[in-house]
Amino acid sequence: MSIFVDVLLIIFLFSLFAVSHSVLAAFNVKEKITKQVGNKIAFYRLFFNISSILMFIVIYTLSPKPSVIIYDLQFPYDIIIFAIQIVGLIGFVWVSFYIDVKEFLGITQIKRYFDGTYSLDDLDEKQELHIQGPFKYSRHPIYFYSIIFLGFRPSMDLFYFVFFLCMVIYFYVGSIFEERNLEKKFGKTYEEYKKNVPRLIPNPFKKFSTVTDNA
């Protein structure tokens, strides 16, 4: 019974993080904040990232960690799983070449604020539709490679397994809300992109090549 309660508590605590993270990321919330603070919304992205990290650390720390081992792979299977995990890390690096990392972190926004060139239409992030590299094969390659990196582990305990499943569900649900905003911004271009490219799992035999950078 205590293990069942622990699992429920892990899910509950992660849900608190997911809800707060989603609210802070909501398009309409950022619009309301922009109306109140003007171009100081340029600082919001950095605040969002830092607060998300802190919340995640708190939730991770407070979550119960039942001493239940699901599996512990031995040689050579642990090496094989570790190699797959490295593929996820390499995927992260690949994606980083096709996104504005400083914009993603919230650094470029602050620079534009002090330069006096910040546009309120950007809200907290200037969004451009780049369909290159990994984005030709998956609409959300960051989520996909996160799942690969976090999910393939030589050993797995109950806490991490439940926490990982929560993250996978959140990635999927979060991608749905994220794409609603992208459809509003990029219209038919993004709708066509959705028809041709899988949400998460890449199809190596099919890539989207009609739309190019800055489409």
N, C-alpha and C. Protein backbone atom coordinates (compact mmCIF):
# COMPACT_ATOMS: atom_id res chain seq x y z
N MET A 1 0.83 -1.21 0.00
CA MET A 1 0.00 0.00 0.00
C MET A 1 0.87 1.26 0.00
N SER A 2 1.98 1.22 0.75
CA SER A 2 2.84 2.41 0.84
C SER A 2 3.45 2.73 -0.52
N ILE A 3 3.78 1.68 -1.30
CA ILE A 3 4.33 1.91 -2.64
C ILE A 3 3.28 2.56 -3.53
N PHE A 4 2.04 2.10 -3.44
CA PHE A 4 0.96 2.69 -4.22
C PHE A 4 0.77 4.16 -3.87
N VAL A 5 0.82 4.47 -2.59
CA VAL A 5 0.70 5.86 -2.14
C VAL A 5 1.87 6.69 -2.65
N ASP A 6 3.05 6.12 -2.62
CA ASP A 6 4.23 6.82 -3.12
C ASP A 6 4.08 7.16 -4.60
N VAL A 7 3.58 6.21 -5.37
CA VAL A 7 3.38 6.44 -6.80
C VAL A 7 2.36 7.55 -7.03
N LEU A 8 1.28 7.52 -6.29
CA LEU A 8 0.27 8.57 -6.41
C LEU A 8 0.84 9.94 -6.05
N LEU A 9 1.68 9.97 -5.02
CA LEU A 9 2.28 11.22 -4.60
C LEU A 9 3.25 11.75 -5.66
N ILE A 10 4.01 10.86 -6.27
CA ILE A 10 4.92 11.26 -7.34
C ILE A 10 4.13 11.89 -8.49
N ILE A 11 3.04 11.22 -8.87
CA ILE A 11 2.20 11.74 -9.96
C ILE A 11 1.60 13.08 -9.59
N PHE A 12 1.13 13.20 -8.35
CA PHE A 12 0.52 14.45 -7.89
C PHE A 12 1.52 15.60 -7.92
N LEU A 13 2.72 15.36 -7.39
CA LEU A 13 3.72 16.41 -7.35
C LEU A 13 4.15 16.81 -8.77
N PHE A 14 4.31 15.83 -9.64
CA PHE A 14 4.67 16.16 -11.02
C PHE A 14 3.54 16.96 -11.68
N SER A 15 2.31 16.62 -11.37
CA SER A 15 1.16 17.33 -11.93
C SER A 15 1.18 18.79 -11.50
N LEU A 16 1.59 19.05 -10.27
CA LEU A 16 1.70 20.44 -9.80
C LEU A 16 2.70 21.20 -10.66
N PHE A 17 3.83 20.56 -10.93
CA PHE A 17 4.83 21.18 -11.79
C PHE A 17 4.27 21.40 -13.19
N ALA A 18 3.62 20.38 -13.74
CA ALA A 18 3.12 20.46 -15.11
C ALA A 18 2.08 21.56 -15.27
N VAL A 19 1.18 21.67 -14.30
CA VAL A 19 0.14 22.69 -14.38
C VAL A 19 0.74 24.09 -14.28
N SER A 20 1.61 24.29 -13.30
CA SER A 20 2.22 25.61 -13.13
C SER A 20 3.07 25.98 -14.35
N HIS A 21 3.79 25.01 -14.88
CA HIS A 21 4.62 25.24 -16.07
C HIS A 21 3.75 25.61 -17.27
N SER A 22 2.63 24.91 -17.43
CA SER A 22 1.73 25.15 -18.55
C SER A 22 1.06 26.52 -18.44
N VAL A 23 0.66 26.89 -17.23
CA VAL A 23 0.03 28.19 -17.03
C VAL A 23 1.00 29.31 -17.38
N LEU A 24 2.23 29.21 -16.91
CA LEU A 24 3.21 30.24 -17.18
C LEU A 24 3.57 30.32 -18.67
N ALA A 25 3.42 29.19 -19.37
CA ALA A 25 3.76 29.16 -20.80
C ALA A 25 2.58 29.51 -21.70
N ALA A 26 1.39 29.63 -21.12
CA ALA A 26 0.18 29.86 -21.91
C ALA A 26 0.25 31.19 -22.66
N PHE A 27 -0.17 31.15 -23.90
CA PHE A 27 -0.12 32.33 -24.78
C PHE A 27 -0.95 33.48 -24.21
N ASN A 28 -2.16 33.17 -23.75
CA ASN A 28 -3.04 34.24 -23.24
C ASN A 28 -2.51 34.84 -21.95
N VAL A 29 -1.82 34.03 -21.14
CA VAL A 29 -1.22 34.55 -19.90
C VAL A 29 -0.12 35.54 -20.24
N LYS A 30 0.71 35.19 -21.21
CA LYS A 30 1.79 36.08 -21.61
C LYS A 30 1.25 37.37 -22.24
N GLU A 31 0.14 37.26 -22.95
CA GLU A 31 -0.48 38.46 -23.52
C GLU A 31 -0.95 39.40 -22.42
N LYS A 32 -1.58 38.83 -21.38
CA LYS A 32 -2.06 39.67 -20.26
C LYS A 32 -0.90 40.33 -19.53
N ILE A 33 0.19 39.58 -19.34
CA ILE A 33 1.36 40.14 -18.67
C ILE A 33 1.96 41.27 -19.51
N THR A 34 1.99 41.07 -20.83
CA THR A 34 2.53 42.09 -21.73
C THR A 34 1.75 43.39 -21.62
N LYS A 35 0.43 43.29 -21.49
CA LYS A 35 -0.40 44.49 -21.36
C LYS A 35 -0.07 45.25 -20.08
N GLN A 36 0.41 44.53 -19.06
CA GLN A 36 0.72 45.16 -17.78
C GLN A 36 2.15 45.72 -17.73
N VAL A 37 3.09 45.01 -18.32
CA VAL A 37 4.50 45.40 -18.16
C VAL A 37 5.14 45.94 -19.43
N GLY A 38 4.42 45.88 -20.56
CA GLY A 38 4.99 46.40 -21.80
C GLY A 38 6.19 45.59 -22.28
N ASN A 39 7.21 46.31 -22.77
CA ASN A 39 8.35 45.58 -23.34
C ASN A 39 9.25 44.93 -22.29
N LYS A 40 8.92 45.09 -21.02
CA LYS A 40 9.65 44.35 -19.98
C LYS A 40 9.34 42.86 -20.04
N ILE A 41 8.37 42.49 -20.89
CA ILE A 41 8.09 41.08 -21.12
C ILE A 41 9.34 40.38 -21.69
N ALA A 42 10.28 41.17 -22.15
CA ALA A 42 11.54 40.63 -22.67
C ALA A 42 12.27 39.79 -21.61
N PHE A 43 12.02 40.09 -20.33
CA PHE A 43 12.69 39.35 -19.25
C PHE A 43 11.94 38.07 -18.88
N TYR A 44 10.75 37.90 -19.45
CA TYR A 44 9.88 36.81 -19.01
C TYR A 44 10.45 35.44 -19.35
N ARG A 45 11.02 35.31 -20.53
CA ARG A 45 11.52 34.00 -20.95
C ARG A 45 12.60 33.47 -20.00
N LEU A 46 13.52 34.35 -19.62
CA LEU A 46 14.57 33.94 -18.70
C LEU A 46 13.98 33.59 -17.34
N PHE A 47 13.02 34.41 -16.88
CA PHE A 47 12.33 34.11 -15.63
C PHE A 47 11.62 32.77 -15.70
N PHE A 48 10.95 32.51 -16.83
CA PHE A 48 10.22 31.26 -17.02
C PHE A 48 11.16 30.06 -16.93
N ASN A 49 12.30 30.15 -17.58
CA ASN A 49 13.25 29.04 -17.58
C ASN A 49 13.84 28.79 -16.20
N ILE A 50 14.23 29.86 -15.51
CA ILE A 50 14.82 29.71 -14.18
C ILE A 50 13.80 29.17 -13.19
N SER A 51 12.59 29.73 -13.22
CA SER A 51 11.55 29.28 -12.30
C SER A 51 11.16 27.83 -12.58
N SER A 52 11.16 27.43 -13.85
CA SER A 52 10.83 26.05 -14.20
C SER A 52 11.87 25.09 -13.65
N ILE A 53 13.13 25.46 -13.78
CA ILE A 53 14.21 24.62 -13.25
C ILE A 53 14.10 24.48 -11.74
N LEU A 54 13.85 25.60 -11.07
CA LEU A 54 13.73 25.57 -9.61
C LEU A 54 12.53 24.73 -9.16
N MET A 55 11.41 24.91 -9.85
CA MET A 55 10.22 24.12 -9.51
C MET A 55 10.47 22.63 -9.72
N PHE A 56 11.14 22.33 -10.82
CA PHE A 56 11.44 20.93 -11.12
C PHE A 56 12.32 20.32 -10.04
N ILE A 57 13.33 21.06 -9.60
CA ILE A 57 14.23 20.57 -8.56
C ILE A 57 13.48 20.32 -7.26
N VAL A 58 12.58 21.25 -6.91
CA VAL A 58 11.80 21.11 -5.69
C VAL A 58 10.90 19.88 -5.76
N ILE A 59 10.20 19.73 -6.89
CA ILE A 59 9.30 18.59 -7.06
C ILE A 59 10.07 17.28 -7.04
N TYR A 60 11.21 17.27 -7.71
CA TYR A 60 12.05 16.07 -7.76
C TYR A 60 12.54 15.71 -6.36
N THR A 61 12.93 16.71 -5.58
CA THR A 61 13.45 16.48 -4.24
C THR A 61 12.37 15.99 -3.28
N LEU A 62 11.18 16.58 -3.39
CA LEU A 62 10.10 16.24 -2.47
C LEU A 62 9.44 14.90 -2.80
N SER A 63 9.57 14.44 -4.02
CA SER A 63 8.92 13.19 -4.41
C SER A 63 9.49 12.00 -3.63
N PRO A 64 8.61 11.11 -3.16
CA PRO A 64 9.10 9.90 -2.47
C PRO A 64 9.87 9.02 -3.44
N LYS A 65 10.83 8.30 -2.92
CA LYS A 65 11.67 7.46 -3.78
C LYS A 65 11.69 6.04 -3.22
N PRO A 66 10.62 5.29 -3.52
CA PRO A 66 10.54 3.91 -3.02
C PRO A 66 11.71 3.07 -3.52
N SER A 67 12.22 2.22 -2.65
CA SER A 67 13.39 1.40 -2.99
C SER A 67 12.97 0.14 -3.74
N VAL A 68 12.43 0.36 -4.93
CA VAL A 68 12.00 -0.75 -5.78
C VAL A 68 12.76 -0.66 -7.09
N ILE A 69 13.54 -1.67 -7.39
CA ILE A 69 14.32 -1.71 -8.62
C ILE A 69 13.54 -2.49 -9.67
N ILE A 70 13.26 -1.86 -10.80
CA ILE A 70 12.53 -2.52 -11.87
C ILE A 70 13.47 -3.41 -12.68
N TYR A 71 14.63 -2.88 -13.00
CA TYR A 71 15.65 -3.70 -13.65
C TYR A 71 17.02 -3.08 -13.44
N ASP A 72 18.03 -3.91 -13.57
CA ASP A 72 19.43 -3.46 -13.47
C ASP A 72 20.23 -4.31 -14.46
N LEU A 73 20.45 -3.78 -15.64
CA LEU A 73 21.07 -4.54 -16.71
C LEU A 73 22.55 -4.78 -16.45
N GLN A 74 22.98 -5.94 -16.85
CA GLN A 74 24.38 -6.31 -16.72
C GLN A 74 25.06 -6.25 -18.09
N PHE A 75 26.37 -6.33 -18.07
CA PHE A 75 27.15 -6.32 -19.31
C PHE A 75 26.77 -7.52 -20.18
N PRO A 76 26.60 -7.34 -21.51
CA PRO A 76 26.87 -6.13 -22.30
C PRO A 76 25.63 -5.26 -22.53
N TYR A 77 24.47 -5.67 -21.94
CA TYR A 77 23.22 -4.96 -22.21
C TYR A 77 23.24 -3.53 -21.67
N ASP A 78 23.95 -3.32 -20.57
CA ASP A 78 24.03 -1.97 -20.03
C ASP A 78 24.78 -1.04 -20.99
N ILE A 79 25.79 -1.58 -21.68
CA ILE A 79 26.55 -0.79 -22.65
C ILE A 79 25.68 -0.45 -23.86
N ILE A 80 24.86 -1.40 -24.29
CA ILE A 80 23.98 -1.17 -25.43
C ILE A 80 22.97 -0.06 -25.13
N ILE A 81 22.36 -0.13 -23.94
CA ILE A 81 21.39 0.89 -23.53
C ILE A 81 22.07 2.25 -23.38
N PHE A 82 23.27 2.25 -22.82
CA PHE A 82 24.02 3.49 -22.67
C PHE A 82 24.33 4.10 -24.03
N ALA A 83 24.63 3.26 -25.02
CA ALA A 83 24.92 3.74 -26.38
C ALA A 83 23.69 4.43 -26.98
N ILE A 84 22.51 3.85 -26.73
CA ILE A 84 21.27 4.47 -27.22
C ILE A 84 21.05 5.82 -26.53
N GLN A 85 21.38 5.89 -25.26
CA GLN A 85 21.26 7.15 -24.52
C GLN A 85 22.18 8.22 -25.12
N ILE A 86 23.36 7.81 -25.55
CA ILE A 86 24.29 8.74 -26.19
C ILE A 86 23.71 9.26 -27.50
N VAL A 87 22.97 8.41 -28.21
CA VAL A 87 22.30 8.85 -29.43
C VAL A 87 21.35 10.00 -29.13
N GLY A 88 20.63 9.90 -27.99
CA GLY A 88 19.74 10.98 -27.58
C GLY A 88 20.50 12.27 -27.33
N LEU A 89 21.67 12.15 -26.72
CA LEU A 89 22.49 13.33 -26.45
C LEU A 89 23.00 13.94 -27.75
N ILE A 90 23.41 13.11 -28.67
CA ILE A 90 23.86 13.59 -29.98
C ILE A 90 22.70 14.30 -30.70
N GLY A 91 21.50 13.73 -30.55
CA GLY A 91 20.32 14.36 -31.14
C GLY A 91 20.10 15.75 -30.60
N PHE A 92 20.31 15.95 -29.30
CA PHE A 92 20.20 17.28 -28.70
C PHE A 92 21.15 18.25 -29.38
N VAL A 93 22.37 17.82 -29.57
CA VAL A 93 23.38 18.66 -30.20
C VAL A 93 22.95 19.01 -31.62
N TRP A 94 22.42 18.01 -32.33
CA TRP A 94 21.95 18.23 -33.71
C TRP A 94 20.86 19.28 -33.74
N VAL A 95 19.88 19.18 -32.83
CA VAL A 95 18.78 20.14 -32.78
C VAL A 95 19.29 21.54 -32.49
N SER A 96 20.30 21.65 -31.63
CA SER A 96 20.81 22.96 -31.21
C SER A 96 21.35 23.78 -32.38
N PHE A 97 21.75 23.08 -33.47
CA PHE A 97 22.26 23.79 -34.65
C PHE A 97 21.13 24.46 -35.44
N TYR A 98 19.89 24.09 -35.14
CA TYR A 98 18.76 24.58 -35.93
C TYR A 98 17.78 25.43 -35.12
N ILE A 99 18.15 25.79 -33.92
CA ILE A 99 17.34 26.71 -33.13
C ILE A 99 18.24 27.82 -32.60
N ASP A 100 17.63 28.92 -32.24
CA ASP A 100 18.37 30.02 -31.63
C ASP A 100 18.44 29.74 -30.13
N VAL A 101 19.53 29.18 -29.69
CA VAL A 101 19.67 28.75 -28.30
C VAL A 101 19.54 29.93 -27.35
N LYS A 102 20.14 31.06 -27.69
CA LYS A 102 20.07 32.24 -26.82
C LYS A 102 18.65 32.77 -26.72
N GLU A 103 17.91 32.70 -27.82
CA GLU A 103 16.50 33.10 -27.79
C GLU A 103 15.70 32.13 -26.93
N PHE A 104 16.00 30.84 -27.08
CA PHE A 104 15.34 29.81 -26.29
C PHE A 104 15.56 30.01 -24.80
N LEU A 105 16.77 30.40 -24.43
CA LEU A 105 17.10 30.61 -23.02
C LEU A 105 16.55 31.93 -22.49
N GLY A 106 16.35 32.90 -23.38
CA GLY A 106 15.84 34.21 -22.95
C GLY A 106 16.90 35.28 -22.88
N ILE A 107 18.06 35.03 -23.43
CA ILE A 107 19.18 35.98 -23.35
C ILE A 107 19.07 37.06 -24.44
N THR A 108 18.75 36.63 -25.66
CA THR A 108 18.66 37.59 -26.78
C THR A 108 17.55 38.61 -26.55
N GLN A 109 16.46 38.19 -25.92
CA GLN A 109 15.35 39.10 -25.65
C GLN A 109 15.81 40.27 -24.79
N ILE A 110 16.61 39.97 -23.77
CA ILE A 110 17.08 41.02 -22.87
C ILE A 110 18.02 41.96 -23.60
N LYS A 111 18.83 41.42 -24.49
CA LYS A 111 19.72 42.26 -25.29
C LYS A 111 18.91 43.21 -26.16
N ARG A 112 17.84 42.71 -26.80
CA ARG A 112 16.99 43.58 -27.62
C ARG A 112 16.29 44.63 -26.78
N TYR A 113 15.95 44.28 -25.55
CA TYR A 113 15.31 45.25 -24.65
C TYR A 113 16.23 46.44 -24.39
N PHE A 114 17.47 46.15 -24.06
CA PHE A 114 18.42 47.23 -23.76
C PHE A 114 18.86 47.97 -25.02
N ASP A 115 18.72 47.30 -26.18
CA ASP A 115 19.02 47.98 -27.44
C ASP A 115 17.86 48.84 -27.91
N GLY A 116 16.71 48.67 -27.26
CA GLY A 116 15.53 49.42 -27.65
C GLY A 116 14.87 48.89 -28.91
N THR A 117 15.12 47.62 -29.24
CA THR A 117 14.57 47.04 -30.47
C THR A 117 13.57 45.91 -30.19
N TYR A 118 13.12 45.81 -28.95
CA TYR A 118 12.21 44.70 -28.63
C TYR A 118 10.81 44.99 -29.15
N SER A 119 10.20 43.99 -29.77
CA SER A 119 8.84 44.12 -30.31
C SER A 119 7.85 43.41 -29.41
N LEU A 120 6.78 44.11 -29.04
CA LEU A 120 5.78 43.50 -28.17
C LEU A 120 5.07 42.34 -28.87
N ASP A 121 5.09 42.32 -30.20
CA ASP A 121 4.44 41.23 -30.93
C ASP A 121 5.14 39.90 -30.68
N ASP A 122 6.39 39.96 -30.26
CA ASP A 122 7.14 38.73 -29.98
C ASP A 122 6.72 38.08 -28.67
N LEU A 123 6.01 38.84 -27.81
CA LEU A 123 5.75 38.42 -26.43
C LEU A 123 7.09 38.08 -25.78
N ASP A 124 7.27 36.85 -25.32
CA ASP A 124 8.54 36.54 -24.62
C ASP A 124 9.56 35.86 -25.53
N GLU A 125 9.19 35.60 -26.79
CA GLU A 125 10.10 34.87 -27.67
C GLU A 125 9.75 35.16 -29.13
N LYS A 126 10.76 35.48 -29.92
CA LYS A 126 10.55 35.66 -31.36
C LYS A 126 10.49 34.29 -32.01
N GLN A 127 9.33 33.97 -32.55
CA GLN A 127 9.14 32.65 -33.13
C GLN A 127 9.30 32.71 -34.65
N GLU A 128 10.15 31.83 -35.16
CA GLU A 128 10.33 31.68 -36.59
C GLU A 128 10.21 30.20 -36.91
N LEU A 129 9.60 29.91 -38.04
CA LEU A 129 9.37 28.52 -38.41
C LEU A 129 10.54 28.02 -39.24
N HIS A 130 11.43 27.27 -38.59
CA HIS A 130 12.58 26.69 -39.26
C HIS A 130 12.32 25.19 -39.44
N ILE A 131 12.16 24.77 -40.67
CA ILE A 131 11.93 23.36 -40.93
C ILE A 131 13.15 22.81 -41.65
N GLN A 132 14.17 22.61 -40.87
CA GLN A 132 15.42 22.09 -41.39
C GLN A 132 15.95 21.01 -40.45
N GLY A 133 16.96 20.28 -40.91
CA GLY A 133 17.61 19.29 -40.05
C GLY A 133 16.62 18.34 -39.42
N PRO A 134 16.67 18.18 -38.10
CA PRO A 134 15.79 17.22 -37.41
C PRO A 134 14.31 17.59 -37.52
N PHE A 135 14.01 18.86 -37.77
CA PHE A 135 12.61 19.29 -37.87
C PHE A 135 11.95 18.83 -39.16
N LYS A 136 12.72 18.29 -40.10
CA LYS A 136 12.14 17.71 -41.30
C LYS A 136 11.55 16.33 -41.02
N TYR A 137 11.96 15.73 -39.92
CA TYR A 137 11.56 14.36 -39.62
C TYR A 137 10.65 14.25 -38.40
N SER A 138 10.71 15.24 -37.52
CA SER A 138 9.88 15.25 -36.31
C SER A 138 9.51 16.69 -35.98
N ARG A 139 8.24 16.92 -35.66
CA ARG A 139 7.82 18.29 -35.35
C ARG A 139 8.37 18.74 -34.00
N HIS A 140 8.70 17.78 -33.15
CA HIS A 140 9.22 18.11 -31.82
C HIS A 140 10.44 17.23 -31.52
N PRO A 141 11.53 17.45 -32.23
CA PRO A 141 12.72 16.61 -32.01
C PRO A 141 13.34 16.78 -30.63
N ILE A 142 13.15 17.96 -30.01
CA ILE A 142 13.68 18.15 -28.65
C ILE A 142 13.00 17.18 -27.69
N TYR A 143 11.69 17.04 -27.81
CA TYR A 143 10.96 16.11 -26.97
C TYR A 143 11.39 14.67 -27.27
N PHE A 144 11.51 14.36 -28.55
CA PHE A 144 11.87 13.00 -28.94
C PHE A 144 13.23 12.60 -28.37
N TYR A 145 14.23 13.45 -28.55
CA TYR A 145 15.57 13.10 -28.05
C TYR A 145 15.63 13.16 -26.53
N SER A 146 14.76 13.95 -25.91
CA SER A 146 14.67 13.95 -24.44
C SER A 146 14.18 12.59 -23.96
N ILE A 147 13.18 12.05 -24.65
CA ILE A 147 12.64 10.74 -24.29
C ILE A 147 13.70 9.66 -24.44
N ILE A 148 14.46 9.74 -25.54
CA ILE A 148 15.54 8.77 -25.76
C ILE A 148 16.58 8.87 -24.65
N PHE A 149 17.01 10.08 -24.36
CA PHE A 149 18.08 10.28 -23.38
C PHE A 149 17.64 9.90 -21.96
N LEU A 150 16.42 10.28 -21.60
CA LEU A 150 15.93 10.04 -20.25
C LEU A 150 15.41 8.61 -20.04
N GLY A 151 14.89 8.00 -21.10
CA GLY A 151 14.23 6.71 -20.95
C GLY A 151 15.14 5.50 -21.01
N PHE A 152 16.21 5.60 -21.79
CA PHE A 152 17.11 4.45 -21.93
C PHE A 152 18.20 4.54 -20.87
N ARG A 153 18.03 3.75 -19.82
CA ARG A 153 18.95 3.74 -18.70
C ARG A 153 19.36 2.31 -18.38
N PRO A 154 20.63 2.11 -18.03
CA PRO A 154 21.09 0.76 -17.66
C PRO A 154 20.37 0.20 -16.45
N SER A 155 19.89 1.07 -15.56
CA SER A 155 19.12 0.62 -14.39
C SER A 155 17.91 1.53 -14.24
N MET A 156 16.85 0.97 -13.67
CA MET A 156 15.60 1.72 -13.54
C MET A 156 14.93 1.37 -12.23
N ASP A 157 14.66 2.39 -11.41
CA ASP A 157 13.89 2.16 -10.19
C ASP A 157 12.47 2.69 -10.38
N LEU A 158 11.61 2.40 -9.43
CA LEU A 158 10.20 2.73 -9.56
C LEU A 158 9.97 4.23 -9.63
N PHE A 159 10.69 4.99 -8.79
CA PHE A 159 10.52 6.44 -8.80
C PHE A 159 10.82 7.01 -10.17
N TYR A 160 11.97 6.64 -10.72
CA TYR A 160 12.38 7.22 -11.99
C TYR A 160 11.42 6.79 -13.11
N PHE A 161 10.96 5.55 -13.06
CA PHE A 161 10.05 5.04 -14.09
C PHE A 161 8.75 5.83 -14.10
N VAL A 162 8.17 6.06 -12.92
CA VAL A 162 6.92 6.82 -12.83
C VAL A 162 7.16 8.27 -13.27
N PHE A 163 8.26 8.85 -12.81
CA PHE A 163 8.59 10.23 -13.15
C PHE A 163 8.79 10.36 -14.66
N PHE A 164 9.46 9.38 -15.25
CA PHE A 164 9.70 9.40 -16.69
C PHE A 164 8.39 9.31 -17.47
N LEU A 165 7.49 8.42 -17.07
CA LEU A 165 6.20 8.30 -17.74
C LEU A 165 5.42 9.60 -17.66
N CYS A 166 5.49 10.27 -16.53
CA CYS A 166 4.83 11.57 -16.38
C CYS A 166 5.41 12.58 -17.37
N MET A 167 6.72 12.57 -17.53
CA MET A 167 7.36 13.49 -18.45
C MET A 167 6.96 13.21 -19.90
N VAL A 168 6.88 11.93 -20.27
CA VAL A 168 6.49 11.58 -21.63
C VAL A 168 5.07 12.07 -21.92
N ILE A 169 4.17 11.84 -20.98
CA ILE A 169 2.79 12.31 -21.14
C ILE A 169 2.76 13.82 -21.25
N TYR A 170 3.56 14.49 -20.42
CA TYR A 170 3.57 15.96 -20.45
C TYR A 170 4.15 16.48 -21.76
N PHE A 171 5.19 15.82 -22.28
CA PHE A 171 5.75 16.21 -23.58
C PHE A 171 4.67 16.15 -24.66
N TYR A 172 3.92 15.06 -24.65
CA TYR A 172 2.90 14.87 -25.69
C TYR A 172 1.78 15.90 -25.56
N VAL A 173 1.25 16.03 -24.35
CA VAL A 173 0.16 16.99 -24.14
C VAL A 173 0.65 18.42 -24.40
N GLY A 174 1.87 18.72 -23.94
CA GLY A 174 2.43 20.05 -24.15
C GLY A 174 2.60 20.38 -25.62
N SER A 175 2.94 19.37 -26.42
CA SER A 175 3.12 19.60 -27.85
C SER A 175 1.81 19.98 -28.52
N ILE A 176 0.71 19.46 -28.02
CA ILE A 176 -0.61 19.78 -28.57
C ILE A 176 -0.92 21.27 -28.38
N PHE A 177 -0.72 21.76 -27.16
CA PHE A 177 -0.99 23.17 -26.88
C PHE A 177 0.00 24.08 -27.60
N GLU A 178 1.24 23.63 -27.68
CA GLU A 178 2.26 24.41 -28.37
C GLU A 178 1.90 24.58 -29.85
N GLU A 179 1.39 23.52 -30.46
CA GLU A 179 1.07 23.58 -31.88
C GLU A 179 -0.15 24.44 -32.16
N ARG A 180 -1.03 24.58 -31.21
CA ARG A 180 -2.18 25.47 -31.39
C ARG A 180 -1.70 26.90 -31.59
N ASN A 181 -0.71 27.30 -30.83
CA ASN A 181 -0.14 28.64 -30.98
C ASN A 181 0.59 28.77 -32.32
N LEU A 182 1.29 27.72 -32.71
CA LEU A 182 2.03 27.76 -33.97
C LEU A 182 1.08 27.82 -35.17
N GLU A 183 -0.05 27.16 -35.08
CA GLU A 183 -1.03 27.21 -36.15
C GLU A 183 -1.62 28.62 -36.28
N LYS A 184 -1.84 29.27 -35.14
CA LYS A 184 -2.35 30.64 -35.17
C LYS A 184 -1.34 31.59 -35.82
N LYS A 185 -0.07 31.35 -35.57
CA LYS A 185 0.97 32.26 -36.05
C LYS A 185 1.33 32.00 -37.51
N PHE A 186 1.44 30.72 -37.89
CA PHE A 186 1.94 30.39 -39.22
C PHE A 186 0.88 29.83 -40.17
N GLY A 187 -0.34 29.65 -39.67
CA GLY A 187 -1.47 29.30 -40.53
C GLY A 187 -1.29 28.04 -41.36
N LYS A 188 -1.59 28.16 -42.66
CA LYS A 188 -1.59 27.01 -43.56
C LYS A 188 -0.22 26.37 -43.69
N THR A 189 0.82 27.19 -43.55
CA THR A 189 2.17 26.64 -43.65
C THR A 189 2.39 25.57 -42.59
N TYR A 190 1.96 25.87 -41.37
CA TYR A 190 2.15 24.89 -40.31
C TYR A 190 1.19 23.72 -40.45
N GLU A 191 -0.01 23.98 -40.94
CA GLU A 191 -0.97 22.90 -41.15
C GLU A 191 -0.42 21.89 -42.16
N GLU A 192 0.21 22.40 -43.22
CA GLU A 192 0.81 21.52 -44.22
C GLU A 192 1.99 20.74 -43.62
N TYR A 193 2.74 21.42 -42.79
CA TYR A 193 3.86 20.79 -42.09
C TYR A 193 3.37 19.63 -41.22
N LYS A 194 2.27 19.85 -40.51
CA LYS A 194 1.72 18.82 -39.63
C LYS A 194 1.28 17.59 -40.42
N LYS A 195 0.77 17.81 -41.62
CA LYS A 195 0.29 16.69 -42.43
C LYS A 195 1.43 15.79 -42.90
N ASN A 196 2.63 16.35 -43.00
CA ASN A 196 3.74 15.62 -43.61
C ASN A 196 4.80 15.12 -42.63
N VAL A 197 4.79 15.63 -41.41
CA VAL A 197 5.85 15.29 -40.45
C VAL A 197 5.24 14.75 -39.16
N PRO A 198 5.71 13.61 -38.65
CA PRO A 198 5.18 13.05 -37.40
C PRO A 198 5.39 14.00 -36.22
N ARG A 199 4.54 13.85 -35.22
CA ARG A 199 4.64 14.71 -34.04
C ARG A 199 5.95 14.48 -33.28
N LEU A 200 6.24 13.22 -32.95
CA LEU A 200 7.41 12.93 -32.13
C LEU A 200 8.39 11.96 -32.80
N ILE A 201 7.92 10.76 -33.09
CA ILE A 201 8.82 9.72 -33.59
C ILE A 201 9.14 9.96 -35.07
N PRO A 202 10.40 10.20 -35.40
CA PRO A 202 10.77 10.50 -36.79
C PRO A 202 10.51 9.32 -37.73
N ASN A 203 10.21 9.65 -38.97
CA ASN A 203 10.10 8.64 -40.02
C ASN A 203 11.31 8.84 -40.94
N PRO A 204 12.32 7.98 -40.85
CA PRO A 204 13.55 8.18 -41.62
C PRO A 204 13.35 8.07 -43.12
N PHE A 205 12.22 7.51 -43.55
CA PHE A 205 11.96 7.33 -44.97
C PHE A 205 11.11 8.46 -45.55
N LYS A 206 10.79 9.43 -44.70
CA LYS A 206 9.95 10.51 -45.15
C LYS A 206 10.38 11.80 -44.50
N LYS A 207 10.63 12.83 -45.29
CA LYS A 207 10.99 14.12 -44.72
C LYS A 207 10.23 15.23 -45.43
N PHE A 208 10.10 16.34 -44.77
CA PHE A 208 9.35 17.47 -45.31
C PHE A 208 10.33 18.42 -45.98
N SER A 209 10.15 18.64 -47.26
CA SER A 209 11.10 19.48 -47.98
C SER A 209 10.46 20.64 -48.73
N THR A 210 9.14 20.75 -48.63
CA THR A 210 8.45 21.82 -49.36
C THR A 210 8.71 23.17 -48.75
N VAL A 211 8.65 23.23 -47.40
CA VAL A 211 8.85 24.49 -46.69
C VAL A 211 10.32 24.59 -46.28
N THR A 212 10.91 25.72 -46.47
CA THR A 212 12.31 25.92 -46.12
C THR A 212 12.44 26.91 -44.99
N ASP A 213 13.66 27.22 -44.65
CA ASP A 213 13.95 28.10 -43.52
C ASP A 213 13.22 29.42 -43.64
N ASN A 214 12.71 29.89 -42.46
CA ASN A 214 12.00 31.17 -42.36
C ASN A 214 10.69 31.15 -43.14
N ALA A 215 10.11 29.95 -43.33
CA ALA A 215 8.85 29.86 -44.04
C ALA A 215 7.72 30.47 -43.23
